């Protein structure tokens, strides 16, 4: 930090005596250093002296403006980055780009929703990038969300119409048709008198039309509705500057910088106002710095707040539209009721005696819609599935297939759960959409190709849809979530309704890679991953029962997906089981099972088992080494090396791992391998392997 400035009297006497005095650059540098150190009272005289020697440019007062704004921030107790509009009650229907009510909502792949026109104004790359999560959404801009557009139009017709008029007014403003744009905003405010953005934008139009008083009136209304919104105070400061009220304008610009120090517009405006004020400083031999006008007042912005009366702090009684959902359940329409919103208490610095323009406010007090119909939030795919069951008079089959689903909650299954919006603008439950894409990579409604979605394999839930359901249908959502959780618990049961993959022979500890392409098995593998069990049964086919009575549980180690929805599953055998009951679920086989374990022996039987175990192991090892090198390489690449001999062959309930490896390698038909899987005696299994190896050796010798 620079040294302390010389006494003010010496500087002034030097200027009065006609001396040249310090260079203006040095004065400015010392003033900046003092201001940066928080010593504004010492810095202000140096700024004045520098401005007398040379006319200062706006950017040369940047340090002074930053320090003043920092002082305002500390005195106001404002958090960093608080310049965004603060939510009043729930504001989920607000576009985070324009800060206004959503019009023609477009849901990006990340799940966040914006106005279509807000996205179209940007270049393609920027439009597809979400301003909230910064996630890339691809080059193509999605279409309007059909469900959300219909819901907002039905539930909030006045706000939607006002938002439409706002976008039309913005277009007219860009085309320099100012009076036509003003008419659009007048009509919009008659529909939505509590929309701070409408007042802010109309203030800008009035400023362009040189209607400075009207611009100030609208800016003050915007500040009352959103006391800590940077743009509202920026509009107010610009209107005050146009009216020549530079002191008040400077306070507003400093307040903007206190909200967001990085705002270039507010910083530039504050610097310009500072320069204009310094032009008017009287040249006197001993200026009274303590009474130097606006800069001193700017430092005392917040102190005046303490003197405000309680009447000035009283919030403006502008009702905020809201509605309540009755506690009745079922599919009956719920009547909404009007609830006056309590305006947030704001600092009296931001409150003026002017009232918000209430032209048309009587119409704005009515609830935006009269009823909430749960059927507005029904998934069309869930409805199609349920309708098919009802048309087949199969309600009892549904209840038996889903024991957790009782008749009183069957209709709740159609409510959107984890809603996902496609690029074509249609919304479905996440699980419903995935099942449809298993069969055909096209939208179930408009048949537009969704290959990109299938290739990404990342579906983000539409945030606003979830918020609407949680806010207006909380009981239905709770019941819907309960049904889903019960279904997941049922799918996680590894004893009842265990998913069965009917394909090949699988053994414990032996790898079993699978190529998944059929829709039913895509669904099965996906459910195994979602439940967290990562396990399913493998059985060979049976011409009578569909699949064999014995099989092996496989555990998924990894899944590699392809762009077209196919996948390669890396799995390994875990436990053997016996099928108790055959069944089906959603196109794939299931079964109630019981697990099989080897029966242990002791004493002389155990000693004989050890001798047999070592003998068969050596025989299998010699047989494998006698194979041709090319065949051995293929076996090793697929099954891995032969496991080592176990010190205790009864340590594993399924028996030694090398036995299953040998059975998987031996060229036996599935029907010949199946009895080994069902055996509970390790001795019988070893004798069976010995007979097969002896037969293979004799065949080769011939």
Foldseek 3Di string as FASTA:
>chain_A
DDDQDDDPLVQLVCVVVVHPGDALVVLLVVLLVCLVVVNNLRSVVSPLVSCVVDQDDLVSCLSVLLSLLQLVLVLVVADEQLQAFDDFPDDLQAAPQLRAGEELWFAAQQQEIHHPVSLVVDDQQVSQQDPPPRDGRDRDGFGRQPLVNVVCCAQAVLRNQLVVLQVVLVVCVVVVVLVSSLVSLVSSCLSPVLTLSSLLVNLVSCVVVVVLVSSLLSLLSSCLSGVNHLSSLQSNLVSCVSVVVLLSSLLSLSSSCSHPVPDPSSSSSNSVSVSVLSVPDDDDSNDDSCPSPRVNVSSCLCVVLVVDDVVLQQRAQQFDADWAFDPDDDQDKTFTDGDGGDRDGDGSSSGDPDHRPCNNSVNNRDHSHTTDGQVSQFFPLLVVVVVVCVVVVNPVVVCVQQVVDDPVLSVLLRGADLWFAASNNYIHHPLSVLLVLLPPQADPPPRHGNLVCLQVVDGHGNVSSVVVCCRHPVVSNVSNVVSVVSVLVVQLDPQFFFFEDADAAADAQWKDKDKDRHSVVLSVQVSCVVSPVQKGWYFYQDPPQGTDQKTFIKHFPDWAAHSSGIIMTIIHTHFMWGFPDWDDDPPTITGRIDTAFADDDDDPVQVVVVVLQVVLVVLLVVLLVPDDPVLNVVLCVRGNDQDDRDPRQRPDRRGDPNLSSSLVSDPDDRVVSVVLSVDRHPVVSSVVSVVSSVVVVVVVVD
